[in-house]
């Protein structure tokens, strides 16, 4: 009977951990990938986001500012074009155990892009 109780407890703990969502803190630092963009790797640390493209040939750096737990902005540190000077605003829509879905807007554009970012 004791073994059944231990197995039930172990199963309950494992089942609960399977649905665990990432925390906001886990989204603020680490390595990430964008769904549908296999050549892009995102690295976040503190107030810096680095995006590496095409096997480290191209790199973009952004300052990242968290406005609250679901909205952050990116600003290019060394903009290459005039559009790169616009701030990109991201709104986190849903978080799960692997990453999050988002909506983003560049500058004051009315165009909203949706996507998914995975934590590696």
N, C-alpha and C. Protein backbone atom coordinates (compact mmCIF):
# COMPACT_ATOMS: atom_id res chain seq x y z
N UNK A 1 0.82 -1.19 0.00
CA UNK A 1 0.00 0.00 0.00
C UNK A 1 0.87 1.26 0.00
N UNK A 2 1.97 1.20 0.72
CA UNK A 2 2.88 2.35 0.80
C UNK A 2 3.48 2.65 -0.58
N UNK A 3 3.82 1.60 -1.34
CA UNK A 3 4.39 1.79 -2.67
C UNK A 3 3.38 2.47 -3.61
N UNK A 4 2.12 2.12 -3.48
CA UNK A 4 1.08 2.74 -4.31
C UNK A 4 0.98 4.23 -3.99
N UNK A 5 1.05 4.56 -2.70
CA UNK A 5 1.00 5.97 -2.28
C UNK A 5 2.18 6.76 -2.82
N UNK A 6 3.37 6.18 -2.78
CA UNK A 6 4.58 6.85 -3.28
C UNK A 6 4.48 7.03 -4.80
N UNK A 7 4.02 5.98 -5.51
CA UNK A 7 3.86 6.08 -6.96
C UNK A 7 2.82 7.15 -7.33
N UNK A 8 1.72 7.22 -6.57
CA UNK A 8 0.70 8.23 -6.83
C UNK A 8 1.27 9.63 -6.61
N UNK A 9 2.03 9.82 -5.55
CA UNK A 9 2.63 11.12 -5.26
C UNK A 9 3.62 11.51 -6.36
N UNK A 10 4.45 10.57 -6.78
CA UNK A 10 5.41 10.82 -7.85
C UNK A 10 4.71 11.18 -9.16
N UNK A 11 3.68 10.45 -9.50
CA UNK A 11 2.91 10.72 -10.71
C UNK A 11 2.27 12.11 -10.65
N UNK A 12 1.72 12.48 -9.50
CA UNK A 12 1.08 13.79 -9.33
C UNK A 12 2.10 14.92 -9.52
N UNK A 13 3.28 14.77 -8.93
CA UNK A 13 4.32 15.79 -9.05
C UNK A 13 4.76 15.93 -10.50
N UNK A 14 5.00 14.82 -11.18
CA UNK A 14 5.43 14.87 -12.56
C UNK A 14 4.34 15.45 -13.47
N UNK A 15 3.10 15.11 -13.22
CA UNK A 15 2.00 15.62 -14.03
C UNK A 15 1.84 17.13 -13.85
N UNK A 16 2.00 17.62 -12.65
CA UNK A 16 1.88 19.05 -12.39
C UNK A 16 3.03 19.82 -13.03
N UNK A 17 4.23 19.29 -12.99
CA UNK A 17 5.38 19.98 -13.56
C UNK A 17 5.30 20.04 -15.08
N UNK A 18 4.59 19.13 -15.70
CA UNK A 18 4.50 19.09 -17.16
C UNK A 18 3.77 20.31 -17.71
N UNK A 19 2.83 20.88 -16.95
CA UNK A 19 2.06 22.03 -17.40
C UNK A 19 2.64 23.35 -16.94
N UNK A 20 3.80 23.33 -16.34
CA UNK A 20 4.41 24.54 -15.81
C UNK A 20 4.73 25.52 -16.93
N UNK A 21 4.31 26.76 -16.77
CA UNK A 21 4.62 27.80 -17.73
C UNK A 21 5.96 28.43 -17.40
N UNK A 22 6.61 28.97 -18.42
CA UNK A 22 7.82 29.75 -18.18
C UNK A 22 7.44 31.01 -17.40
N UNK A 23 8.35 31.48 -16.58
CA UNK A 23 8.10 32.71 -15.84
C UNK A 23 8.58 33.90 -16.67
N UNK A 24 8.13 35.08 -16.31
CA UNK A 24 8.59 36.29 -16.99
C UNK A 24 10.10 36.42 -16.86
N UNK A 25 10.64 36.09 -15.71
CA UNK A 25 12.09 36.17 -15.52
C UNK A 25 12.83 35.24 -16.49
N UNK A 26 12.27 34.07 -16.76
CA UNK A 26 12.88 33.14 -17.72
C UNK A 26 12.81 33.68 -19.15
N UNK A 27 11.87 34.58 -19.42
CA UNK A 27 11.76 35.18 -20.75
C UNK A 27 12.70 36.38 -20.90
N UNK A 28 13.16 36.92 -19.80
CA UNK A 28 14.02 38.10 -19.84
C UNK A 28 15.48 37.76 -20.12
N UNK A 29 15.87 36.52 -19.91
CA UNK A 29 17.25 36.12 -20.16
C UNK A 29 17.28 34.73 -20.76
N UNK A 30 18.25 34.50 -21.62
CA UNK A 30 18.42 33.18 -22.21
C UNK A 30 18.55 33.23 -23.71
N UNK A 31 18.45 32.05 -24.32
CA UNK A 31 18.55 31.90 -25.76
C UNK A 31 17.19 31.47 -26.30
N UNK A 32 16.80 32.08 -27.43
CA UNK A 32 15.47 31.87 -27.98
C UNK A 32 15.53 31.65 -29.48
N UNK A 33 14.46 31.09 -30.03
CA UNK A 33 14.32 30.90 -31.48
C UNK A 33 12.94 31.40 -31.87
N UNK A 34 12.84 31.89 -33.11
CA UNK A 34 11.56 32.36 -33.64
C UNK A 34 10.98 31.28 -34.53
N UNK A 35 9.73 30.95 -34.30
CA UNK A 35 9.06 29.94 -35.13
C UNK A 35 9.09 30.37 -36.59
N UNK A 36 9.50 29.46 -37.47
CA UNK A 36 9.55 29.73 -38.89
C UNK A 36 10.79 30.48 -39.35
N UNK A 37 11.70 30.78 -38.45
CA UNK A 37 12.94 31.50 -38.78
C UNK A 37 14.14 30.69 -38.28
N UNK A 38 14.48 29.59 -38.95
CA UNK A 38 15.54 28.71 -38.44
C UNK A 38 16.94 29.34 -38.42
N UNK A 39 17.13 30.42 -39.19
CA UNK A 39 18.45 31.04 -39.25
C UNK A 39 18.65 32.14 -38.21
N UNK A 40 17.66 32.36 -37.35
CA UNK A 40 17.74 33.44 -36.36
C UNK A 40 17.84 32.86 -34.96
N UNK A 41 18.82 33.35 -34.20
CA UNK A 41 18.95 32.98 -32.79
C UNK A 41 18.94 34.28 -31.98
N UNK A 42 18.15 34.32 -30.92
CA UNK A 42 18.04 35.48 -30.05
C UNK A 42 18.71 35.16 -28.73
N UNK A 43 19.54 36.10 -28.27
CA UNK A 43 20.19 35.97 -26.96
C UNK A 43 19.83 37.20 -26.15
N UNK A 44 19.23 36.98 -24.98
CA UNK A 44 18.85 38.10 -24.10
C UNK A 44 19.62 38.02 -22.80
N UNK A 45 20.10 39.18 -22.38
CA UNK A 45 20.75 39.30 -21.08
C UNK A 45 20.54 40.71 -20.59
N UNK A 46 19.85 40.82 -19.47
CA UNK A 46 19.60 42.11 -18.84
C UNK A 46 18.86 43.03 -19.80
N UNK A 47 19.47 44.13 -20.22
CA UNK A 47 18.81 45.09 -21.11
C UNK A 47 19.31 44.98 -22.55
N UNK A 48 19.92 43.86 -22.91
CA UNK A 48 20.49 43.67 -24.24
C UNK A 48 19.87 42.45 -24.92
N UNK A 49 19.51 42.61 -26.19
CA UNK A 49 19.07 41.49 -27.01
C UNK A 49 19.93 41.46 -28.25
N UNK A 50 20.54 40.32 -28.52
CA UNK A 50 21.37 40.13 -29.70
C UNK A 50 20.68 39.11 -30.59
N UNK A 51 20.57 39.45 -31.86
CA UNK A 51 19.98 38.53 -32.84
C UNK A 51 21.07 38.14 -33.82
N UNK A 52 21.33 36.85 -33.89
CA UNK A 52 22.34 36.32 -34.81
C UNK A 52 21.63 35.65 -35.98
N UNK A 53 22.14 35.95 -37.17
CA UNK A 53 21.54 35.43 -38.39
C UNK A 53 22.56 34.64 -39.19
N UNK A 54 22.08 33.70 -39.98
CA UNK A 54 22.90 32.98 -40.97
C UNK A 54 24.26 32.55 -40.42
N UNK A 55 24.23 31.75 -39.39
CA UNK A 55 25.46 31.19 -38.82
C UNK A 55 26.45 32.26 -38.36
N UNK A 56 25.97 33.27 -37.66
CA UNK A 56 26.79 34.33 -37.05
C UNK A 56 27.40 35.31 -38.06
N UNK A 57 26.99 35.28 -39.32
CA UNK A 57 27.53 36.23 -40.30
C UNK A 57 26.98 37.63 -40.04
N UNK A 58 25.69 37.74 -39.73
CA UNK A 58 25.06 39.02 -39.43
C UNK A 58 24.60 39.02 -37.98
N UNK A 59 24.77 40.17 -37.32
CA UNK A 59 24.35 40.31 -35.93
C UNK A 59 23.69 41.68 -35.75
N UNK A 60 22.53 41.71 -35.10
CA UNK A 60 21.86 42.95 -34.71
C UNK A 60 21.78 43.00 -33.20
N UNK A 61 21.98 44.18 -32.64
CA UNK A 61 21.90 44.37 -31.19
C UNK A 61 20.81 45.38 -30.88
N UNK A 62 20.05 45.08 -29.86
CA UNK A 62 18.94 45.93 -29.44
C UNK A 62 19.01 46.18 -27.94
N UNK A 63 18.58 47.37 -27.53
CA UNK A 63 18.34 47.58 -26.11
C UNK A 63 16.90 47.12 -25.88
N UNK A 64 16.69 46.40 -24.81
CA UNK A 64 15.36 45.89 -24.50
C UNK A 64 14.88 46.55 -23.21
N UNK A 65 13.65 47.00 -23.23
CA UNK A 65 13.06 47.65 -22.06
C UNK A 65 11.72 46.99 -21.78
N UNK A 66 11.60 46.45 -20.57
CA UNK A 66 10.35 45.82 -20.16
C UNK A 66 9.46 46.87 -19.54
N UNK A 67 8.30 47.14 -20.17
CA UNK A 67 7.35 48.13 -19.65
C UNK A 67 6.50 47.54 -18.54
N UNK A 68 6.19 46.25 -18.65
CA UNK A 68 5.51 45.49 -17.61
C UNK A 68 5.75 44.01 -17.92
N UNK A 69 5.01 43.13 -17.27
CA UNK A 69 5.26 41.69 -17.46
C UNK A 69 4.77 41.15 -18.80
N UNK A 70 4.08 41.95 -19.60
CA UNK A 70 3.61 41.43 -20.88
C UNK A 70 3.98 42.31 -22.07
N UNK A 71 4.64 43.44 -21.84
CA UNK A 71 5.02 44.33 -22.93
C UNK A 71 6.48 44.74 -22.80
N UNK A 72 7.21 44.61 -23.91
CA UNK A 72 8.59 45.09 -23.94
C UNK A 72 8.86 45.77 -25.27
N UNK A 73 9.90 46.61 -25.30
CA UNK A 73 10.27 47.30 -26.53
C UNK A 73 11.71 46.98 -26.88
N UNK A 74 11.99 47.03 -28.18
CA UNK A 74 13.35 46.86 -28.69
C UNK A 74 13.72 48.10 -29.49
N UNK A 75 14.94 48.57 -29.27
CA UNK A 75 15.47 49.69 -30.04
C UNK A 75 16.84 49.30 -30.55
N UNK A 76 17.05 49.40 -31.86
CA UNK A 76 18.33 49.03 -32.46
C UNK A 76 19.44 49.91 -31.90
N UNK A 77 20.54 49.28 -31.51
CA UNK A 77 21.68 50.03 -30.98
C UNK A 77 22.45 50.71 -32.11
N UNK A 78 22.61 50.03 -33.23
CA UNK A 78 23.28 50.60 -34.41
C UNK A 78 22.37 50.42 -35.63
N UNK A 79 21.38 51.31 -35.78
CA UNK A 79 20.44 51.15 -36.91
C UNK A 79 21.16 51.26 -38.24
N UNK A 80 20.75 50.39 -39.18
CA UNK A 80 21.36 50.36 -40.51
C UNK A 80 20.54 51.15 -41.53
N UNK A 81 19.24 51.26 -41.29
CA UNK A 81 18.34 52.00 -42.17
C UNK A 81 17.45 52.90 -41.33
N UNK A 82 16.72 53.78 -41.97
CA UNK A 82 15.83 54.70 -41.26
C UNK A 82 14.73 53.94 -40.51
N UNK A 83 14.24 52.84 -41.09
CA UNK A 83 13.20 52.06 -40.41
C UNK A 83 13.75 51.38 -39.16
N UNK A 84 15.05 51.10 -39.14
CA UNK A 84 15.67 50.48 -37.97
C UNK A 84 15.69 51.42 -36.76
N UNK A 85 15.42 52.72 -36.97
CA UNK A 85 15.41 53.66 -35.85
C UNK A 85 14.09 53.60 -35.08
N UNK A 86 13.06 53.00 -35.68
CA UNK A 86 11.76 52.88 -35.00
C UNK A 86 11.84 51.85 -33.88
N UNK A 87 11.14 52.13 -32.81
CA UNK A 87 11.05 51.20 -31.69
C UNK A 87 10.02 50.12 -32.04
N UNK A 88 10.36 48.88 -31.72
CA UNK A 88 9.45 47.76 -31.94
C UNK A 88 8.83 47.40 -30.59
N UNK A 89 7.51 47.38 -30.53
CA UNK A 89 6.80 47.04 -29.30
C UNK A 89 6.23 45.63 -29.41
N UNK A 90 6.53 44.81 -28.41
CA UNK A 90 6.05 43.42 -28.36
C UNK A 90 5.06 43.28 -27.21
N UNK A 91 3.97 42.62 -27.50
CA UNK A 91 2.99 42.28 -26.46
C UNK A 91 2.90 40.77 -26.37
N UNK A 92 3.21 40.23 -25.21
CA UNK A 92 3.14 38.78 -24.99
C UNK A 92 1.68 38.41 -24.80
N UNK A 93 1.20 37.50 -25.63
CA UNK A 93 -0.20 37.10 -25.58
C UNK A 93 -0.43 35.89 -24.68
N UNK A 94 0.43 34.89 -24.81
CA UNK A 94 0.26 33.66 -24.04
C UNK A 94 1.62 33.02 -23.81
N UNK A 95 1.82 32.54 -22.58
CA UNK A 95 3.07 31.87 -22.21
C UNK A 95 2.75 30.41 -21.90
N UNK A 96 3.62 29.51 -22.36
CA UNK A 96 3.49 28.10 -21.99
C UNK A 96 4.86 27.59 -21.55
N UNK A 97 5.02 26.30 -21.47
CA UNK A 97 6.27 25.74 -20.95
C UNK A 97 7.43 25.85 -21.94
N UNK A 98 7.14 26.10 -23.23
CA UNK A 98 8.19 26.16 -24.26
C UNK A 98 8.52 27.56 -24.74
N UNK A 99 7.63 28.53 -24.52
CA UNK A 99 7.86 29.88 -25.02
C UNK A 99 6.61 30.71 -24.93
N UNK A 100 6.44 31.62 -25.91
CA UNK A 100 5.28 32.50 -25.87
C UNK A 100 4.88 32.96 -27.26
N UNK A 101 3.60 33.35 -27.37
CA UNK A 101 3.10 33.97 -28.59
C UNK A 101 3.08 35.47 -28.36
N UNK A 102 3.22 36.22 -29.46
CA UNK A 102 3.32 37.67 -29.33
C UNK A 102 2.66 38.38 -30.49
N UNK A 103 2.42 39.67 -30.28
CA UNK A 103 2.06 40.61 -31.31
C UNK A 103 3.12 41.70 -31.28
N UNK A 104 3.55 42.18 -32.44
CA UNK A 104 4.53 43.26 -32.46
C UNK A 104 4.12 44.33 -33.46
N UNK A 105 4.54 45.56 -33.15
CA UNK A 105 4.28 46.70 -34.00
C UNK A 105 5.57 47.50 -34.11
N UNK A 106 5.92 47.91 -35.34
CA UNK A 106 7.11 48.73 -35.55
C UNK A 106 6.67 50.19 -35.57
N UNK A 107 7.26 50.98 -34.68
CA UNK A 107 6.94 52.40 -34.61
C UNK A 107 5.47 52.65 -34.39
N UNK A 108 4.91 53.58 -35.17
CA UNK A 108 3.49 53.93 -35.05
C UNK A 108 2.66 53.29 -36.15
N UNK A 109 3.20 52.23 -36.73
CA UNK A 109 2.52 51.52 -37.80
C UNK A 109 1.22 50.90 -37.31
N UNK A 110 0.30 50.69 -38.22
CA UNK A 110 -0.94 49.98 -37.91
C UNK A 110 -0.80 48.49 -38.18
N UNK A 111 0.33 48.09 -38.76
CA UNK A 111 0.56 46.69 -39.10
C UNK A 111 1.00 45.92 -37.85
N UNK A 112 0.24 44.90 -37.50
CA UNK A 112 0.54 44.06 -36.34
C UNK A 112 1.02 42.70 -36.84
N UNK A 113 2.20 42.30 -36.39
CA UNK A 113 2.74 40.99 -36.75
C UNK A 113 2.56 40.07 -35.57
N UNK A 114 2.16 38.85 -35.82
CA UNK A 114 2.02 37.84 -34.77
C UNK A 114 3.06 36.76 -34.98
N UNK A 115 3.49 36.14 -33.90
CA UNK A 115 4.48 35.08 -34.00
C UNK A 115 4.63 34.32 -32.71
N UNK A 116 5.62 33.45 -32.71
CA UNK A 116 5.89 32.62 -31.55
C UNK A 116 7.40 32.54 -31.35
N UNK A 117 7.80 32.66 -30.11
CA UNK A 117 9.22 32.55 -29.73
C UNK A 117 9.37 31.39 -28.75
N UNK A 118 10.37 30.55 -29.01
CA UNK A 118 10.65 29.39 -28.15
C UNK A 118 11.92 29.64 -27.35
N UNK A 119 11.91 29.21 -26.12
CA UNK A 119 13.12 29.23 -25.29
C UNK A 119 13.91 27.97 -25.59
N UNK A 120 15.21 28.14 -25.85
CA UNK A 120 16.08 26.99 -26.14
C UNK A 120 16.66 26.45 -24.84
